[in-house]
All heavy atoms as atom14 arrays in JSON, in Angstrom:
{
  "sequence": "NSYANGLFRDFALQLGYEADSVQLTDATQFQLARKFLFEN",
  "atom14_mask": [
    [1, 1, 1, 1, 1, 1, 1, 1, 0, 0, 0, 0, 0, 0],
    [1, 1, 1, 1, 1, 1, 0, 0, 0, 0, 0, 0, 0, 0],
    [1, 1, 1, 1, 1, 1, 1, 1, 1, 1, 1, 1, 0, 0],
    [1, 1, 1, 1, 1, 0, 0, 0, 0, 0, 0, 0, 0, 0],
    [1, 1, 1, 1, 1, 1, 1, 1, 0, 0, 0, 0, 0, 0],
    [1, 1, 1, 1, 0, 0, 0, 0, 0, 0, 0, 0, 0, 0],
    [1, 1, 1, 1, 1, 1, 1, 1, 0, 0, 0, 0, 0, 0],
    [1, 1, 1, 1, 1, 1, 1, 1, 1, 1, 1, 0, 0, 0],
    [1, 1, 1, 1, 1, 1, 1, 1, 1, 1, 1, 0, 0, 0],
    [1, 1, 1, 1, 1, 1, 1, 1, 0, 0, 0, 0, 0, 0],
    [1, 1, 1, 1, 1, 1, 1, 1, 1, 1, 1, 0, 0, 0],
    [1, 1, 1, 1, 1, 0, 0, 0, 0, 0, 0, 0, 0, 0],
    [1, 1, 1, 1, 1, 1, 1, 1, 0, 0, 0, 0, 0, 0],
    [1, 1, 1, 1, 1, 1, 1, 1, 1, 0, 0, 0, 0, 0],
    [1, 1, 1, 1, 1, 1, 1, 1, 0, 0, 0, 0, 0, 0],
    [1, 1, 1, 1, 0, 0, 0, 0, 0, 0, 0, 0, 0, 0],
    [1, 1, 1, 1, 1, 1, 1, 1, 1, 1, 1, 1, 0, 0],
    [1, 1, 1, 1, 1, 1, 1, 1, 1, 0, 0, 0, 0, 0],
    [1, 1, 1, 1, 1, 0, 0, 0, 0, 0, 0, 0, 0, 0],
    [1, 1, 1, 1, 1, 1, 1, 1, 0, 0, 0, 0, 0, 0],
    [1, 1, 1, 1, 1, 1, 0, 0, 0, 0, 0, 0, 0, 0],
    [1, 1, 1, 1, 1, 1, 1, 0, 0, 0, 0, 0, 0, 0],
    [1, 1, 1, 1, 1, 1, 1, 1, 1, 0, 0, 0, 0, 0],
    [1, 1, 1, 1, 1, 1, 1, 1, 0, 0, 0, 0, 0, 0],
    [1, 1, 1, 1, 1, 1, 1, 0, 0, 0, 0, 0, 0, 0],
    [1, 1, 1, 1, 1, 1, 1, 1, 0, 0, 0, 0, 0, 0],
    [1, 1, 1, 1, 1, 0, 0, 0, 0, 0, 0, 0, 0, 0],
    [1, 1, 1, 1, 1, 1, 1, 0, 0, 0, 0, 0, 0, 0],
    [1, 1, 1, 1, 1, 1, 1, 1, 1, 0, 0, 0, 0, 0],
    [1, 1, 1, 1, 1, 1, 1, 1, 1, 1, 1, 0, 0, 0],
    [1, 1, 1, 1, 1, 1, 1, 1, 1, 0, 0, 0, 0, 0],
    [1, 1, 1, 1, 1, 1, 1, 1, 0, 0, 0, 0, 0, 0],
    [1, 1, 1, 1, 1, 0, 0, 0, 0, 0, 0, 0, 0, 0],
    [1, 1, 1, 1, 1, 1, 1, 1, 1, 1, 1, 0, 0, 0],
    [1, 1, 1, 1, 1, 1, 1, 1, 1, 0, 0, 0, 0, 0],
    [1, 1, 1, 1, 1, 1, 1, 1, 1, 1, 1, 0, 0, 0],
    [1, 1, 1, 1, 1, 1, 1, 1, 0, 0, 0, 0, 0, 0],
    [1, 1, 1, 1, 1, 1, 1, 1, 1, 1, 1, 0, 0, 0],
    [1, 1, 1, 1, 1, 1, 1, 1, 1, 0, 0, 0, 0, 0],
    [1, 1, 1, 1, 1, 1, 1, 1, 0, 0, 0, 0, 0, 0]
  ],
  "atom14_positions": [
    [[79.68, 88.82, 71.87], [80.72, 88.1, 71.15], [81.32, 88.94, 70.02], [82.53, 88.95, 69.82], [80.17, 86.79, 70.58], [79.97, 85.74, 71.66], [80.49, 85.86, 72.76], [79.2, 84.72, 71.35], [0.0, 0.0, 0.0], [0.0, 0.0, 0.0], [0.0, 0.0, 0.0], [0.0, 0.0, 0.0], [0.0, 0.0, 0.0], [0.0, 0.0, 0.0]],
    [[80.45, 89.63, 69.29], [80.93, 90.45, 68.18], [81.81, 91.59, 68.69], [82.87, 91.89, 68.1], [79.74, 91.01, 67.39], [80.19, 91.85, 66.35], [0.0, 0.0, 0.0], [0.0, 0.0, 0.0], [0.0, 0.0, 0.0], [0.0, 0.0, 0.0], [0.0, 0.0, 0.0], [0.0, 0.0, 0.0], [0.0, 0.0, 0.0], [0.0, 0.0, 0.0]],
    [[81.39, 92.24, 69.76], [82.17, 93.34, 70.31], [83.51, 92.84, 70.84], [84.56, 93.46, 70.62], [81.39, 94.03, 71.43], [82.09, 95.25, 71.99], [82.21, 96.41, 71.23], [82.63, 95.23, 73.27], [82.86, 97.53, 71.73], [83.28, 96.36, 73.78], [83.39, 97.5, 73.01], [84.04, 98.6, 73.5], [0.0, 0.0, 0.0], [0.0, 0.0, 0.0]],
    [[83.48, 91.69, 71.53], [84.72, 91.12, 72.05], [85.66, 90.74, 70.92], [86.88, 90.91, 71.02], [84.41, 89.9, 72.92], [0.0, 0.0, 0.0], [0.0, 0.0, 0.0], [0.0, 0.0, 0.0], [0.0, 0.0, 0.0], [0.0, 0.0, 0.0], [0.0, 0.0, 0.0], [0.0, 0.0, 0.0], [0.0, 0.0, 0.0], [0.0, 0.0, 0.0]],
    [[85.1, 90.23, 69.83], [85.91, 89.87, 68.67], [86.58, 91.1, 68.07], [87.74, 91.06, 67.65], [85.03, 89.19, 67.62], [85.84, 88.54, 66.52], [86.85, 87.87, 66.77], [85.43, 88.73, 65.28], [0.0, 0.0, 0.0], [0.0, 0.0, 0.0], [0.0, 0.0, 0.0], [0.0, 0.0, 0.0], [0.0, 0.0, 0.0], [0.0, 0.0, 0.0]],
    [[85.85, 92.22, 68.06], [86.42, 93.46, 67.57], [87.57, 93.94, 68.45], [88.61, 94.4, 67.96], [0.0, 0.0, 0.0], [0.0, 0.0, 0.0], [0.0, 0.0, 0.0], [0.0, 0.0, 0.0], [0.0, 0.0, 0.0], [0.0, 0.0, 0.0], [0.0, 0.0, 0.0], [0.0, 0.0, 0.0], [0.0, 0.0, 0.0], [0.0, 0.0, 0.0]],
    [[87.39, 93.83, 69.76], [88.46, 94.22, 70.68], [89.7, 93.34, 70.47], [90.84, 93.82, 70.5], [87.98, 94.08, 72.13], [86.95, 95.09, 72.63], [86.55, 94.76, 74.06], [87.52, 96.51, 72.56], [0.0, 0.0, 0.0], [0.0, 0.0, 0.0], [0.0, 0.0, 0.0], [0.0, 0.0, 0.0], [0.0, 0.0, 0.0], [0.0, 0.0, 0.0]],
    [[89.45, 92.05, 70.26], [90.56, 91.13, 70.05], [91.36, 91.53, 68.81], [92.59, 91.59, 68.84], [90.04, 89.69, 69.9], [91.1, 88.72, 69.47], [91.99, 88.2, 70.4], [91.22, 88.34, 68.14], [92.99, 87.32, 70.01], [92.21, 87.46, 67.74], [93.1, 86.94, 68.68], [0.0, 0.0, 0.0], [0.0, 0.0, 0.0], [0.0, 0.0, 0.0]],
    [[90.65, 91.81, 67.72], [91.35, 92.17, 66.48], [92.12, 93.48, 66.63], [93.2, 93.65, 66.07], [90.35, 92.27, 65.33], [89.92, 90.92, 64.79], [88.95, 91.06, 63.65], [87.68, 91.63, 64.09], [86.66, 91.89, 63.29], [86.78, 91.68, 62.0], [85.55, 92.39, 63.76], [0.0, 0.0, 0.0], [0.0, 0.0, 0.0], [0.0, 0.0, 0.0]],
    [[91.57, 94.41, 67.4], [92.23, 95.7, 67.6], [93.51, 95.58, 68.43], [94.46, 96.32, 68.21], [91.27, 96.69, 68.29], [90.14, 97.14, 67.37], [90.28, 96.97, 66.14], [89.13, 97.63, 67.89], [0.0, 0.0, 0.0], [0.0, 0.0, 0.0], [0.0, 0.0, 0.0], [0.0, 0.0, 0.0], [0.0, 0.0, 0.0], [0.0, 0.0, 0.0]],
    [[93.52, 94.65, 69.37], [94.65, 94.56, 70.29], [95.38, 93.22, 70.23], [96.21, 92.94, 71.09], [94.16, 94.81, 71.72], [93.53, 96.16, 71.91], [92.15, 96.31, 71.93], [94.3, 97.3, 72.06], [91.56, 97.55, 72.09], [93.73, 98.56, 72.22], [92.35, 98.68, 72.23], [0.0, 0.0, 0.0], [0.0, 0.0, 0.0], [0.0, 0.0, 0.0]],
    [[95.09, 92.42, 69.22], [95.67, 91.07, 69.13], [97.19, 91.09, 69.12], [97.84, 90.3, 69.83], [95.14, 90.36, 67.89], [0.0, 0.0, 0.0], [0.0, 0.0, 0.0], [0.0, 0.0, 0.0], [0.0, 0.0, 0.0], [0.0, 0.0, 0.0], [0.0, 0.0, 0.0], [0.0, 0.0, 0.0], [0.0, 0.0, 0.0], [0.0, 0.0, 0.0]],
    [[97.77, 91.97, 68.33], [99.23, 92.0, 68.22], [99.89, 92.33, 69.55], [100.97, 91.79, 69.87], [99.65, 93.02, 67.16], [99.26, 92.66, 65.71], [99.69, 93.77, 64.75], [99.86, 91.33, 65.29], [0.0, 0.0, 0.0], [0.0, 0.0, 0.0], [0.0, 0.0, 0.0], [0.0, 0.0, 0.0], [0.0, 0.0, 0.0], [0.0, 0.0, 0.0]],
    [[99.26, 93.18, 70.33], [99.81, 93.52, 71.64], [99.76, 92.33, 72.6], [100.52, 92.26, 73.56], [99.04, 94.69, 72.24], [99.12, 95.97, 71.41], [98.3, 97.09, 72.0], [98.23, 97.26, 73.22], [97.66, 97.89, 71.15], [0.0, 0.0, 0.0], [0.0, 0.0, 0.0], [0.0, 0.0, 0.0], [0.0, 0.0, 0.0], [0.0, 0.0, 0.0]],
    [[98.82, 91.4, 72.31], [98.67, 90.22, 73.16], [99.44, 89.01, 72.62], [99.44, 87.96, 73.23], [97.18, 89.85, 73.27], [96.27, 90.91, 73.89], [94.81, 90.49, 73.77], [96.64, 91.11, 75.35], [0.0, 0.0, 0.0], [0.0, 0.0, 0.0], [0.0, 0.0, 0.0], [0.0, 0.0, 0.0], [0.0, 0.0, 0.0], [0.0, 0.0, 0.0]],
    [[100.08, 89.21, 71.46], [100.86, 88.12, 70.91], [100.09, 87.19, 69.99], [100.51, 86.05, 69.77], [0.0, 0.0, 0.0], [0.0, 0.0, 0.0], [0.0, 0.0, 0.0], [0.0, 0.0, 0.0], [0.0, 0.0, 0.0], [0.0, 0.0, 0.0], [0.0, 0.0, 0.0], [0.0, 0.0, 0.0], [0.0, 0.0, 0.0], [0.0, 0.0, 0.0]],
    [[98.95, 87.64, 69.47], [98.15, 86.82, 68.57], [98.08, 87.48, 67.19], [98.41, 88.65, 67.02], [96.73, 86.66, 69.11], [96.65, 85.91, 70.42], [96.54, 86.59, 71.62], [96.69, 84.52, 70.45], [96.46, 85.91, 72.83], [96.61, 83.83, 71.65], [96.5, 84.52, 72.83], [96.43, 83.84, 74.01], [0.0, 0.0, 0.0], [0.0, 0.0, 0.0]],
    [[97.64, 86.7, 66.2], [97.47, 87.23, 64.85], [96.18, 88.06, 64.79], [95.12, 87.58, 65.18], [97.4, 86.09, 63.84], [98.71, 85.33, 63.68], [99.81, 86.2, 63.09], [99.49, 87.14, 62.34], [100.98, 85.95, 63.42], [0.0, 0.0, 0.0], [0.0, 0.0, 0.0], [0.0, 0.0, 0.0], [0.0, 0.0, 0.0], [0.0, 0.0, 0.0]],
    [[96.28, 89.25, 64.26], [95.12, 90.15, 64.22], [94.06, 89.69, 63.23], [92.89, 90.09, 63.35], [95.57, 91.57, 63.85], [0.0, 0.0, 0.0], [0.0, 0.0, 0.0], [0.0, 0.0, 0.0], [0.0, 0.0, 0.0], [0.0, 0.0, 0.0], [0.0, 0.0, 0.0], [0.0, 0.0, 0.0], [0.0, 0.0, 0.0], [0.0, 0.0, 0.0]],
    [[94.43, 88.84, 62.26], [93.45, 88.41, 61.28], [92.69, 87.16, 61.71], [91.94, 86.57, 60.93], [94.1, 88.16, 59.91], [95.22, 87.12, 59.98], [95.52, 86.66, 61.09], [95.76, 86.78, 58.91], [0.0, 0.0, 0.0], [0.0, 0.0, 0.0], [0.0, 0.0, 0.0], [0.0, 0.0, 0.0], [0.0, 0.0, 0.0], [0.0, 0.0, 0.0]],
    [[92.88, 86.74, 62.96], [92.1, 85.62, 63.49], [90.63, 86.02, 63.5], [90.29, 87.18, 63.74], [92.55, 85.27, 64.9], [93.9, 84.89, 64.92], [0.0, 0.0, 0.0], [0.0, 0.0, 0.0], [0.0, 0.0, 0.0], [0.0, 0.0, 0.0], [0.0, 0.0, 0.0], [0.0, 0.0, 0.0], [0.0, 0.0, 0.0], [0.0, 0.0, 0.0]],
    [[89.75, 85.07, 63.24], [88.33, 85.37, 63.19], [87.56, 84.49, 64.16], [87.99, 83.39, 64.51], [87.75, 85.17, 61.77], [88.38, 86.14, 60.8], [87.96, 83.74, 61.3], [0.0, 0.0, 0.0], [0.0, 0.0, 0.0], [0.0, 0.0, 0.0], [0.0, 0.0, 0.0], [0.0, 0.0, 0.0], [0.0, 0.0, 0.0], [0.0, 0.0, 0.0]],
    [[86.44, 84.99, 64.61], [85.57, 84.24, 65.51], [84.86, 83.15, 64.72], [84.35, 83.38, 63.62], [84.55, 85.18, 66.14], [83.62, 84.51, 67.14], [82.61, 85.49, 67.7], [82.5, 86.6, 67.21], [81.88, 85.07, 68.69], [0.0, 0.0, 0.0], [0.0, 0.0, 0.0], [0.0, 0.0, 0.0], [0.0, 0.0, 0.0], [0.0, 0.0, 0.0]],
    [[84.81, 81.95, 65.27], [84.14, 80.85, 64.6], [82.63, 81.09, 64.58], [82.04, 81.45, 65.59], [84.43, 79.53, 65.32], [85.88, 79.03, 65.29], [85.99, 77.73, 66.08], [86.35, 78.81, 63.86], [0.0, 0.0, 0.0], [0.0, 0.0, 0.0], [0.0, 0.0, 0.0], [0.0, 0.0, 0.0], [0.0, 0.0, 0.0], [0.0, 0.0, 0.0]],
    [[82.02, 80.87, 63.44], [80.57, 80.98, 63.35], [79.93, 79.74, 63.97], [80.6, 78.72, 64.21], [80.11, 81.08, 61.88], [80.46, 79.86, 61.2], [80.79, 82.26, 61.19], [0.0, 0.0, 0.0], [0.0, 0.0, 0.0], [0.0, 0.0, 0.0], [0.0, 0.0, 0.0], [0.0, 0.0, 0.0], [0.0, 0.0, 0.0], [0.0, 0.0, 0.0]],
    [[78.63, 79.8, 64.22], [77.93, 78.64, 64.79], [78.06, 77.42, 63.88], [78.25, 76.3, 64.35], [76.44, 78.99, 65.0], [76.24, 80.03, 66.09], [77.16, 80.22, 66.9], [75.16, 80.65, 66.12], [0.0, 0.0, 0.0], [0.0, 0.0, 0.0], [0.0, 0.0, 0.0], [0.0, 0.0, 0.0], [0.0, 0.0, 0.0], [0.0, 0.0, 0.0]],
    [[77.95, 77.65, 62.57], [78.05, 76.55, 61.63], [79.43, 75.91, 61.64], [79.57, 74.68, 61.61], [77.71, 77.04, 60.22], [0.0, 0.0, 0.0], [0.0, 0.0, 0.0], [0.0, 0.0, 0.0], [0.0, 0.0, 0.0], [0.0, 0.0, 0.0], [0.0, 0.0, 0.0], [0.0, 0.0, 0.0], [0.0, 0.0, 0.0], [0.0, 0.0, 0.0]],
    [[80.47, 76.74, 61.71], [81.84, 76.22, 61.74], [82.1, 75.45, 63.02], [82.76, 74.4, 63.02], [82.86, 77.37, 61.59], [82.59, 78.08, 60.38], [84.28, 76.82, 61.54], [0.0, 0.0, 0.0], [0.0, 0.0, 0.0], [0.0, 0.0, 0.0], [0.0, 0.0, 0.0], [0.0, 0.0, 0.0], [0.0, 0.0, 0.0], [0.0, 0.0, 0.0]],
    [[81.6, 75.97, 64.14], [81.76, 75.26, 65.41], [81.1, 73.89, 65.35], [81.66, 72.89, 65.81], [81.13, 76.08, 66.54], [81.87, 77.36, 66.87], [81.21, 78.12, 68.0], [81.07, 77.61, 69.12], [80.79, 79.34, 67.74], [0.0, 0.0, 0.0], [0.0, 0.0, 0.0], [0.0, 0.0, 0.0], [0.0, 0.0, 0.0], [0.0, 0.0, 0.0]],
    [[79.93, 73.82, 64.76], [79.21, 72.55, 64.64], [80.0, 71.58, 63.77], [80.13, 70.4, 64.1], [77.83, 72.8, 64.05], [76.92, 71.6, 64.08], [76.09, 71.37, 65.17], [76.91, 70.68, 63.03], [75.26, 70.26, 65.21], [76.09, 69.57, 63.07], [75.26, 69.36, 64.16], [0.0, 0.0, 0.0], [0.0, 0.0, 0.0], [0.0, 0.0, 0.0]],
    [[80.55, 72.06, 62.67], [81.32, 71.21, 61.77], [82.58, 70.67, 62.44], [82.93, 69.49, 62.28], [81.67, 71.98, 60.5], [80.47, 72.32, 59.62], [80.81, 73.29, 58.51], [81.93, 73.77, 58.41], [79.84, 73.59, 57.65], [0.0, 0.0, 0.0], [0.0, 0.0, 0.0], [0.0, 0.0, 0.0], [0.0, 0.0, 0.0], [0.0, 0.0, 0.0]],
    [[83.28, 71.54, 63.18], [84.49, 71.11, 63.88], [84.17, 70.08, 64.95], [84.88, 69.08, 65.11], [85.19, 72.32, 64.49], [85.92, 73.25, 63.52], [86.46, 74.47, 64.26], [87.05, 72.52, 62.82], [0.0, 0.0, 0.0], [0.0, 0.0, 0.0], [0.0, 0.0, 0.0], [0.0, 0.0, 0.0], [0.0, 0.0, 0.0], [0.0, 0.0, 0.0]],
    [[83.09, 70.32, 65.7], [82.7, 69.38, 66.76], [82.3, 68.04, 66.14], [82.64, 66.97, 66.67], [81.54, 69.96, 67.57], [0.0, 0.0, 0.0], [0.0, 0.0, 0.0], [0.0, 0.0, 0.0], [0.0, 0.0, 0.0], [0.0, 0.0, 0.0], [0.0, 0.0, 0.0], [0.0, 0.0, 0.0], [0.0, 0.0, 0.0], [0.0, 0.0, 0.0]],
    [[81.59, 68.09, 65.03], [81.17, 66.85, 64.35], [82.38, 66.06, 63.87], [82.46, 64.83, 64.06], [80.26, 67.21, 63.17], [79.62, 66.0, 62.48], [78.69, 66.47, 61.37], [77.88, 65.37, 60.87], [78.3, 64.49, 59.97], [79.53, 64.59, 59.49], [77.5, 63.52, 59.57], [0.0, 0.0, 0.0], [0.0, 0.0, 0.0], [0.0, 0.0, 0.0]],
    [[83.34, 66.74, 63.26], [84.54, 66.08, 62.76], [85.34, 65.45, 63.9], [85.79, 64.3, 63.81], [85.42, 67.1, 62.02], [86.69, 66.54, 61.39], [87.4, 67.62, 60.61], [88.61, 67.06, 59.86], [89.65, 66.56, 60.78], [0.0, 0.0, 0.0], [0.0, 0.0, 0.0], [0.0, 0.0, 0.0], [0.0, 0.0, 0.0], [0.0, 0.0, 0.0]],
    [[85.49, 66.21, 65.0], [86.24, 65.69, 66.15], [85.57, 64.46, 66.75], [86.23, 63.46, 67.05], [86.37, 66.79, 67.21], [87.06, 66.31, 68.46], [88.43, 66.26, 68.54], [86.31, 65.89, 69.57], [89.08, 65.81, 69.69], [86.94, 65.43, 70.71], [88.32, 65.39, 70.77], [0.0, 0.0, 0.0], [0.0, 0.0, 0.0], [0.0, 0.0, 0.0]],
    [[84.25, 64.53, 66.93], [83.54, 63.42, 67.56], [83.58, 62.16, 66.7], [83.81, 61.06, 67.21], [82.1, 63.82, 67.86], [81.92, 64.81, 69.02], [80.48, 65.27, 69.12], [82.34, 64.17, 70.33], [0.0, 0.0, 0.0], [0.0, 0.0, 0.0], [0.0, 0.0, 0.0], [0.0, 0.0, 0.0], [0.0, 0.0, 0.0], [0.0, 0.0, 0.0]],
    [[83.38, 62.31, 65.41], [83.38, 61.14, 64.54], [84.77, 60.5, 64.44], [84.9, 59.31, 64.21], [82.85, 61.51, 63.15], [81.36, 61.46, 63.05], [80.58, 62.55, 63.39], [80.71, 60.31, 62.63], [79.2, 62.51, 63.31], [79.32, 60.25, 62.55], [78.56, 61.35, 62.9], [0.0, 0.0, 0.0], [0.0, 0.0, 0.0], [0.0, 0.0, 0.0]],
    [[85.8, 61.33, 64.61], [87.16, 60.8, 64.5], [87.73, 60.31, 65.84], [88.61, 59.44, 65.84], [88.09, 61.88, 63.92], [87.79, 62.25, 62.48], [88.72, 63.33, 61.96], [89.51, 63.87, 62.78], [88.67, 63.64, 60.75], [0.0, 0.0, 0.0], [0.0, 0.0, 0.0], [0.0, 0.0, 0.0], [0.0, 0.0, 0.0], [0.0, 0.0, 0.0]],
    [[87.23, 60.85, 66.96], [87.87, 60.56, 68.24], [86.97, 59.99, 69.32], [87.46, 59.54, 70.35], [88.53, 61.84, 68.78], [89.55, 62.4, 67.82], [90.67, 61.93, 67.74], [89.16, 63.45, 67.09], [0.0, 0.0, 0.0], [0.0, 0.0, 0.0], [0.0, 0.0, 0.0], [0.0, 0.0, 0.0], [0.0, 0.0, 0.0], [0.0, 0.0, 0.0]]
  ]
}
């Protein structure tokens, strides 16, 4: 995942994405899933 994230940041602009996008950490993923489930 870390290596793939590095590749994404290196070539993001060529793919049409923002290069400063970051990979979600496990904690952030858990928080987002919790928020979505409680709301929806």
